[in-house]
Amino acid sequence: MKIFLGADHAGYELKNVLRERLHHAGYEIEDLGAKTLDEVDDYPRYAYSVASRVLGEEDGAAVGVLICGSGQGMSMAANRVNGIRAALAWDKISAVAAREDDDANVLVLPARFVAPEAAGDMAEAWLQAEFKADPKYRRRLDELEQLYG
């Protein structure tokens, strides 16, 4: 499974730490930026870039991890891309639930509110979790698709 990473200026440092951790854990990582720390770098372009690349891979062959200060902006931006189910997580439990219950294909992390080690633990737990495909979860995802395309 390929992982696309993206972060704005607020998530830049955490993205770099996370990239190294996931790489050493054996994951295939593609860093879509920011490539340098620029205080005027904003989240929309990185959310769009990661979301587009996730959808451009074979179904389920790639996921994304986005990082900004609060996680809110990245979540809002990524979820505007049809087919993306981006979930903001604040601990391992919420990260796993996003994958198991809602089949999130993008994890969003709030750099200002989670320590690097906790963020790595959350990302790895999310990556290892699998969608439960329980009929109630599938029904909800189908309803999302019907309503929003």
C-alpha atoms as a PDB file:
ATOM      1  CA  MET A   1       0.000   0.000   0.000  1.00  0.00           C
ATOM      2  CA  LYS A   2       1.318   3.403  -0.977  1.00  0.00           C
ATOM      3  CA  ILE A   3       1.007   6.347   1.413  1.00  0.00           C
ATOM      4  CA  PHE A   4       0.875   9.919   0.146  1.00  0.00           C
ATOM      5  CA  LEU A   5       1.916  12.515   2.731  1.00  0.00           C
ATOM      6  CA  GLY A   6       1.120  16.205   2.686  1.00  0.00           C
ATOM      7  CA  ALA A   7       1.437  19.087   5.118  1.00  0.00           C
ATOM      8  CA  ASP A   8       1.296  22.843   5.216  1.00  0.00           C
ATOM      9  CA  HIS A   9       3.722  25.015   7.196  1.00  0.00           C
ATOM     10  CA  ALA A  10       2.160  24.057  10.544  1.00  0.00           C
ATOM     11  CA  GLY A  11       2.481  20.349   9.846  1.00  0.00           C
ATOM     12  CA  TYR A  12       5.821  20.442   8.055  1.00  0.00           C
ATOM     13  CA  GLU A  13       8.023  19.219  10.931  1.00  0.00           C
ATOM     14  CA  LEU A  14       5.618  16.488  12.009  1.00  0.00           C
ATOM     15  CA  LYS A  15       5.297  15.293   8.400  1.00  0.00           C
ATOM     16  CA  ASN A  16       9.060  14.865   8.163  1.00  0.00           C
ATOM     17  CA  VAL A  17       9.186  12.884  11.409  1.00  0.00           C
ATOM     18  CA  LEU A  18       6.244  10.757  10.332  1.00  0.00           C
ATOM     19  CA  ARG A  19       7.734  10.146   6.878  1.00  0.00           C
ATOM     20  CA  GLU A  20      10.911   8.725   8.421  1.00  0.00           C
ATOM     21  CA  ARG A  21       9.054   6.582  10.931  1.00  0.00           C
ATOM     22  CA  LEU A  22       6.718   5.078   8.346  1.00  0.00           C
ATOM     23  CA  HIS A  23       9.571   4.540   5.888  1.00  0.00           C
ATOM     24  CA  HIS A  24      11.561   2.643   8.543  1.00  0.00           C
ATOM     25  CA  ALA A  25       8.434   0.608   9.343  1.00  0.00           C
ATOM     26  CA  GLY A  26       8.476  -0.603   5.732  1.00  0.00           C
ATOM     27  CA  TYR A  27       5.755   1.515   4.163  1.00  0.00           C
ATOM     28  CA  GLU A  28       6.050   2.965   0.666  1.00  0.00           C
ATOM     29  CA  ILE A  29       5.895   6.733   1.148  1.00  0.00           C
ATOM     30  CA  GLU A  30       5.545   9.564  -1.334  1.00  0.00           C
ATOM     31  CA  ASP A  31       5.986  13.016   0.169  1.00  0.00           C
ATOM     32  CA  LEU A  32       3.902  15.547  -1.758  1.00  0.00           C
ATOM     33  CA  GLY A  33       5.077  18.521   0.255  1.00  0.00           C
ATOM     34  CA  ALA A  34       5.589  20.955   1.590  1.00  0.00           C
ATOM     35  CA  LYS A  35       9.205  20.358   0.641  1.00  0.00           C
ATOM     36  CA  THR A  36      10.515  23.353   2.597  1.00  0.00           C
ATOM     37  CA  LEU A  37       9.233  25.259   5.596  1.00  0.00           C
ATOM     38  CA  ASP A  38       7.445  28.350   4.316  1.00  0.00           C
ATOM     39  CA  GLU A  39       5.256  30.238   6.797  1.00  0.00           C
ATOM     40  CA  VAL A  40       2.830  31.283   4.062  1.00  0.00           C
ATOM     41  CA  ASP A  41       2.269  27.738   2.797  1.00  0.00           C
ATOM     42  CA  ASP A  42      -1.430  26.983   3.112  1.00  0.00           C
ATOM     43  CA  TYR A  43      -3.215  23.657   3.327  1.00  0.00           C
ATOM     44  CA  PRO A  44      -5.612  23.597   0.320  1.00  0.00           C
ATOM     45  CA  ARG A  45      -3.046  22.675  -2.332  1.00  0.00           C
ATOM     46  CA  TYR A  46      -1.561  19.855  -0.244  1.00  0.00           C
ATOM     47  CA  ALA A  47      -4.976  18.427   0.629  1.00  0.00           C
ATOM     48  CA  TYR A  48      -5.940  18.459  -3.037  1.00  0.00           C
ATOM     49  CA  SER A  49      -2.653  16.941  -4.149  1.00  0.00           C
ATOM     50  CA  VAL A  50      -2.848  14.050  -1.690  1.00  0.00           C
ATOM     51  CA  ALA A  51      -6.562  13.456  -2.320  1.00  0.00           C
ATOM     52  CA  SER A  52      -6.059  13.407  -6.083  1.00  0.00           C
ATOM     53  CA  ARG A  53      -3.177  10.971  -5.872  1.00  0.00           C
ATOM     54  CA  VAL A  54      -5.073   8.632  -3.525  1.00  0.00           C
ATOM     55  CA  LEU A  55      -7.949   8.500  -5.998  1.00  0.00           C
ATOM     56  CA  GLY A  56      -5.572   8.094  -8.938  1.00  0.00           C
ATOM     57  CA  GLU A  57      -4.264   4.767  -7.684  1.00  0.00           C
ATOM     58  CA  GLU A  58      -6.084   1.464  -8.072  1.00  0.00           C
ATOM     59  CA  ASP A  59      -8.986   1.206  -5.651  1.00  0.00           C
ATOM     60  CA  GLY A  60      -7.604   0.765  -2.169  1.00  0.00           C
ATOM     61  CA  ALA A  61      -3.972   0.672  -3.313  1.00  0.00           C
ATOM     62  CA  ALA A  62      -3.131   4.014  -1.698  1.00  0.00           C
ATOM     63  CA  VAL A  63      -4.078   6.138   1.268  1.00  0.00           C
ATOM     64  CA  GLY A  64      -3.137   9.606   2.396  1.00  0.00           C
ATOM     65  CA  VAL A  65      -1.978  11.302   5.566  1.00  0.00           C
ATOM     66  CA  LEU A  66      -2.417  15.056   5.855  1.00  0.00           C
ATOM     67  CA  ILE A  67      -1.086  17.303   8.591  1.00  0.00           C
ATOM     68  CA  CYS A  68      -1.849  20.903   9.473  1.00  0.00           C
ATOM     69  CA  GLY A  69      -2.037  22.862  12.711  1.00  0.00           C
ATOM     70  CA  SER A  70      -5.511  21.894  13.913  1.00  0.00           C
ATOM     71  CA  GLY A  71      -6.316  19.273  11.303  1.00  0.00           C
ATOM     72  CA  GLN A  72      -9.577  21.062  10.549  1.00  0.00           C
ATOM     73  CA  GLY A  73      -8.492  22.836   7.368  1.00  0.00           C
ATOM     74  CA  MET A  74      -6.960  19.730   5.820  1.00  0.00           C
ATOM     75  CA  SER A  75     -10.089  17.748   6.687  1.00  0.00           C
ATOM     76  CA  MET A  76     -12.394  20.286   5.091  1.00  0.00           C
ATOM     77  CA  ALA A  77     -10.255  20.650   1.988  1.00  0.00           C
ATOM     78  CA  ALA A  78      -9.691  16.938   1.399  1.00  0.00           C
ATOM     79  CA  ASN A  79     -13.346  16.065   1.910  1.00  0.00           C
ATOM     80  CA  ARG A  80     -14.322  18.421  -0.916  1.00  0.00           C
ATOM     81  CA  VAL A  81     -12.753  15.917  -3.327  1.00  0.00           C
ATOM     82  CA  ASN A  82     -15.390  13.396  -4.380  1.00  0.00           C
ATOM     83  CA  GLY A  83     -14.376   9.920  -3.241  1.00  0.00           C
ATOM     84  CA  ILE A  84     -12.239  11.029  -0.326  1.00  0.00           C
ATOM     85  CA  ARG A  85     -13.184  10.111   3.206  1.00  0.00           C
ATOM     86  CA  ALA A  86     -10.753  12.128   5.306  1.00  0.00           C
ATOM     87  CA  ALA A  87     -10.943  11.696   9.058  1.00  0.00           C
ATOM     88  CA  LEU A  88      -9.385  13.903  11.706  1.00  0.00           C
ATOM     89  CA  ALA A  89      -7.978  11.803  14.533  1.00  0.00           C
ATOM     90  CA  TRP A  90      -6.709  12.897  17.926  1.00  0.00           C
ATOM     91  CA  ASP A  91      -5.724   9.502  19.383  1.00  0.00           C
ATOM     92  CA  LYS A  92      -5.255   5.873  18.345  1.00  0.00           C
ATOM     93  CA  ILE A  93      -8.857   4.962  19.140  1.00  0.00           C
ATOM     94  CA  SER A  94     -10.274   7.648  16.852  1.00  0.00           C
ATOM     95  CA  ALA A  95      -7.778   6.770  14.120  1.00  0.00           C
ATOM     96  CA  VAL A  96      -8.675   3.072  14.182  1.00  0.00           C
ATOM     97  CA  ALA A  97     -12.414   3.823  14.299  1.00  0.00           C
ATOM     98  CA  ALA A  98     -12.048   6.059  11.237  1.00  0.00           C
ATOM     99  CA  ARG A  99     -10.691   3.114   9.289  1.00  0.00           C
ATOM    100  CA  GLU A 100     -12.736   0.254  10.748  1.00  0.00           C
ATOM    101  CA  ASP A 101     -16.122   2.014  10.849  1.00  0.00           C
ATOM    102  CA  ASP A 102     -15.899   4.662   8.115  1.00  0.00           C
ATOM    103  CA  ASP A 103     -13.310   3.260   5.701  1.00  0.00           C
ATOM    104  CA  ALA A 104     -11.321   6.516   5.815  1.00  0.00           C
ATOM    105  CA  ASN A 105      -8.846   6.701   2.953  1.00  0.00           C
ATOM    106  CA  VAL A 106      -7.128   9.804   4.333  1.00  0.00           C
ATOM    107  CA  LEU A 107      -5.992  10.334   7.914  1.00  0.00           C
ATOM    108  CA  VAL A 108      -5.670  13.915   9.124  1.00  0.00           C
ATOM    109  CA  LEU A 109      -3.437  14.775  12.072  1.00  0.00           C
ATOM    110  CA  PRO A 110      -3.402  18.009  14.106  1.00  0.00           C
ATOM    111  CA  ALA A 111       0.276  18.951  14.511  1.00  0.00           C
ATOM    112  CA  ARG A 112      -0.386  21.480  17.280  1.00  0.00           C
ATOM    113  CA  PHE A 113      -2.228  18.965  19.425  1.00  0.00           C
ATOM    114  CA  VAL A 114      -0.369  15.655  19.132  1.00  0.00           C
ATOM    115  CA  ALA A 115       3.220  14.776  19.940  1.00  0.00           C
ATOM    116  CA  PRO A 116       5.307  13.190  17.172  1.00  0.00           C
ATOM    117  CA  GLU A 117       5.408   9.761  18.830  1.00  0.00           C
ATOM    118  CA  ALA A 118       1.641   9.775  19.386  1.00  0.00           C
ATOM    119  CA  ALA A 119       1.088  10.849  15.761  1.00  0.00           C
ATOM    120  CA  GLY A 120       3.248   7.956  14.573  1.00  0.00           C
ATOM    121  CA  ASP A 121       1.363   5.518  16.781  1.00  0.00           C
ATOM    122  CA  MET A 122      -1.939   6.842  15.427  1.00  0.00           C
ATOM    123  CA  ALA A 123      -0.818   6.577  11.819  1.00  0.00           C
ATOM    124  CA  GLU A 124       0.506   3.047  12.220  1.00  0.00           C
ATOM    125  CA  ALA A 125      -2.646   1.906  14.039  1.00  0.00           C
ATOM    126  CA  TRP A 126      -4.782   3.440  11.266  1.00  0.00           C
ATOM    127  CA  LEU A 127      -2.686   1.796   8.545  1.00  0.00           C
ATOM    128  CA  GLN A 128      -2.977  -1.612  10.199  1.00  0.00           C
ATOM    129  CA  ALA A 129      -6.730  -1.363  10.772  1.00  0.00           C
ATOM    130  CA  GLU A 130      -9.170  -2.675   8.180  1.00  0.00           C
ATOM    131  CA  PHE A 131     -12.701  -1.676   7.270  1.00  0.00           C
ATOM    132  CA  LYS A 132     -15.102  -3.983   9.117  1.00  0.00           C
ATOM    133  CA  ALA A 133     -17.627  -3.935   6.256  1.00  0.00           C
ATOM    134  CA  ASP A 134     -20.438  -4.531   8.739  1.00  0.00           C
ATOM    135  CA  PRO A 135     -23.773  -3.974   6.952  1.00  0.00           C
ATOM    136  CA  LYS A 136     -24.516  -0.841   9.013  1.00  0.00           C
ATOM    137  CA  TYR A 137     -21.161   0.717   8.056  1.00  0.00           C
ATOM    138  CA  ARG A 138     -21.558  -0.260   4.415  1.00  0.00           C
ATOM    139  CA  ARG A 139     -25.099   1.174   4.391  1.00  0.00           C
ATOM    140  CA  ARG A 140     -23.833   4.506   5.710  1.00  0.00           C
ATOM    141  CA  LEU A 141     -21.073   4.717   3.120  1.00  0.00           C
ATOM    142  CA  ASP A 142     -23.552   3.835   0.381  1.00  0.00           C
ATOM    143  CA  GLU A 143     -25.831   6.606   1.618  1.00  0.00           C
ATOM    144  CA  LEU A 144     -22.955   9.096   1.482  1.00  0.00           C
ATOM    145  CA  GLU A 145     -22.288   8.045  -2.077  1.00  0.00           C
ATOM    146  CA  GLN A 146     -25.974   8.389  -3.037  1.00  0.00           C
ATOM    147  CA  LEU A 147     -26.281  11.838  -1.485  1.00  0.00           C
ATOM    148  CA  TYR A 148     -22.979  13.346  -2.555  1.00  0.00           C
ATOM    149  CA  GLY A 149     -21.800  11.253  -5.485  1.00  0.00           C
END
